[in-house]
Amino acid sequence: MYRTLHLCSNRGGFEAVPDPPRPLDLPEARRRLTAADVEFVDARVMLIATLEVEVTIGQSGRLLFKTPDLALAERSFARLRGLLDLPASPEDARLPSEGVPDPGRR
C-alpha cells in the first residue's frame, strides 16, 4: 500500500515506496502504459514514464517523481495509480507530504 510521498534528500523530487514491500510486474506495467498511450523508456529493471512529470518505476515498486512540486507529484501519482492499478489506502483523499504526520503510521 502506498501511503505517502516523501521529499527526496536532494529535494529534487518525491518518492513513493510500497509498505509492505510489493514488487511490480514490469511487463504488465509496460502493457498498461502502452495501452494508455503513455510514452516511456524500458530500461529492463525500471521504466521511465512521461506523465505530467517524469516518473521512474522500479521493479521493487519504488516510484520516483522528478519534480520538487508536491502538487505535480501528487497528480502524477494519482494518474499512475489508476493506470497501473496500484494499491491505495482508503484515507487517500490527499496524500500527506514530508513532515506531516500520517495517522496510519506509527
Protein backbone atom coordinates (compact mmCIF):
# COMPACT_ATOMS: atom_id res chain seq x y z
CA MET A 1 0.00 0.00 0.00
CA TYR A 2 1.39 3.39 -0.95
CA ARG A 3 0.68 5.88 1.82
CA THR A 4 2.87 8.94 1.35
CA LEU A 5 5.10 10.86 -0.99
CA HIS A 6 8.41 11.69 0.65
CA LEU A 7 10.65 14.52 -0.46
CA CYS A 8 13.96 13.07 -1.66
CA SER A 9 17.09 14.03 0.26
CA ASN A 10 18.32 16.23 -2.62
CA ARG A 11 14.92 17.98 -2.63
CA GLY A 12 14.67 17.46 -6.39
CA GLY A 13 11.77 15.03 -6.38
CA PHE A 14 9.34 12.90 -4.42
CA GLU A 15 9.32 9.15 -3.95
CA ALA A 16 6.67 6.62 -3.03
CA VAL A 17 7.62 3.24 -1.61
CA PRO A 18 5.11 0.44 -1.03
CA ASP A 19 4.62 -0.58 2.59
CA PRO A 20 4.71 -3.52 2.95
CA PRO A 21 7.16 -4.11 0.08
CA ARG A 22 5.38 -5.09 -3.13
CA PRO A 23 7.37 -5.77 -6.31
CA LEU A 24 5.80 -4.57 -9.54
CA ASP A 25 5.18 -6.72 -12.58
CA LEU A 26 7.09 -4.58 -15.09
CA PRO A 27 5.85 -6.48 -18.19
CA GLU A 28 2.27 -5.77 -17.05
CA ALA A 29 3.16 -2.13 -16.31
CA ARG A 30 4.64 -1.87 -19.85
CA ARG A 31 1.43 -3.26 -21.30
CA ARG A 32 -0.76 -0.84 -19.36
CA LEU A 33 1.38 2.20 -20.20
CA THR A 34 1.34 1.23 -23.88
CA ALA A 35 -2.44 0.75 -23.82
CA ALA A 36 -2.84 4.21 -22.25
CA ASP A 37 -0.53 5.70 -24.90
CA VAL A 38 1.95 6.89 -22.25
CA GLU A 39 5.49 7.43 -23.50
CA PHE A 40 8.13 5.50 -21.57
CA VAL A 41 11.64 4.11 -21.79
CA ASP A 42 12.13 0.46 -20.89
CA ALA A 43 15.44 0.13 -19.03
CA ARG A 44 14.77 -3.54 -18.18
CA VAL A 45 14.85 -3.20 -14.38
CA MET A 46 12.84 0.02 -14.44
CA LEU A 47 10.53 2.04 -16.63
CA ILE A 48 10.86 5.79 -17.08
CA ALA A 49 7.45 7.20 -17.95
CA THR A 50 6.46 10.68 -19.05
CA LEU A 51 3.30 11.82 -17.32
CA GLU A 52 2.87 15.38 -16.09
CA VAL A 53 6.37 14.79 -14.70
CA GLU A 54 8.97 12.13 -15.44
CA VAL A 55 8.49 9.12 -13.20
CA THR A 56 10.87 6.20 -12.63
CA ILE A 57 9.02 2.97 -11.91
CA GLY A 58 11.27 0.43 -10.21
CA GLN A 59 10.92 -3.32 -10.11
CA SER A 60 10.79 -3.06 -6.31
CA GLY A 61 7.66 -0.92 -6.55
CA ARG A 62 9.51 2.30 -5.72
CA LEU A 63 8.28 5.31 -7.69
CA LEU A 64 10.37 8.46 -8.17
CA PHE A 65 8.62 11.62 -9.35
CA LYS A 66 11.19 14.04 -10.74
CA THR A 67 9.77 17.36 -9.58
CA PRO A 68 10.15 19.45 -6.43
CA ASP A 69 6.46 20.45 -6.81
CA LEU A 70 4.30 18.36 -4.48
CA ALA A 71 1.06 19.12 -6.36
CA LEU A 72 2.55 17.89 -9.66
CA ALA A 73 3.91 14.78 -7.96
CA GLU A 74 0.52 14.06 -6.37
CA ARG A 75 -1.34 14.42 -9.68
CA SER A 76 1.14 12.16 -11.45
CA PHE A 77 0.95 9.66 -8.58
CA ALA A 78 -2.85 9.60 -8.78
CA ARG A 79 -2.73 9.06 -12.54
CA LEU A 80 -0.11 6.31 -12.24
CA ARG A 81 -2.15 4.57 -9.55
CA GLY A 82 -5.08 4.42 -11.94
CA LEU A 83 -3.01 3.31 -14.93
CA LEU A 84 -1.15 0.56 -13.07
CA ASP A 85 -3.91 -0.34 -10.58
CA LEU A 86 -1.61 0.34 -7.63
CA PRO A 87 -2.95 -0.21 -4.12
CA ALA A 88 -4.03 2.83 -2.14
CA SER A 89 -5.16 3.37 1.40
CA PRO A 90 -8.81 4.38 1.91
CA GLU A 91 -7.88 7.68 3.55
CA ASP A 92 -6.05 8.95 0.45
CA ALA A 93 -8.21 11.99 -0.22
CA ARG A 94 -4.93 13.91 -0.12
CA LEU A 95 -1.51 12.37 0.29
CA PRO A 96 0.40 13.71 3.30
CA SER A 97 3.65 15.41 2.44
CA GLU A 98 7.01 15.07 4.17
CA GLY A 99 6.84 16.37 7.71
CA VAL A 100 3.07 15.96 8.02
CA PRO A 101 2.12 13.08 10.34
CA ASP A 102 0.38 10.16 8.69
CA PRO A 103 -2.24 8.88 11.17
CA GLY A 104 -1.98 5.37 9.73
CA ARG A 105 1.74 5.08 10.58
CA ARG A 106 3.31 4.62 13.99
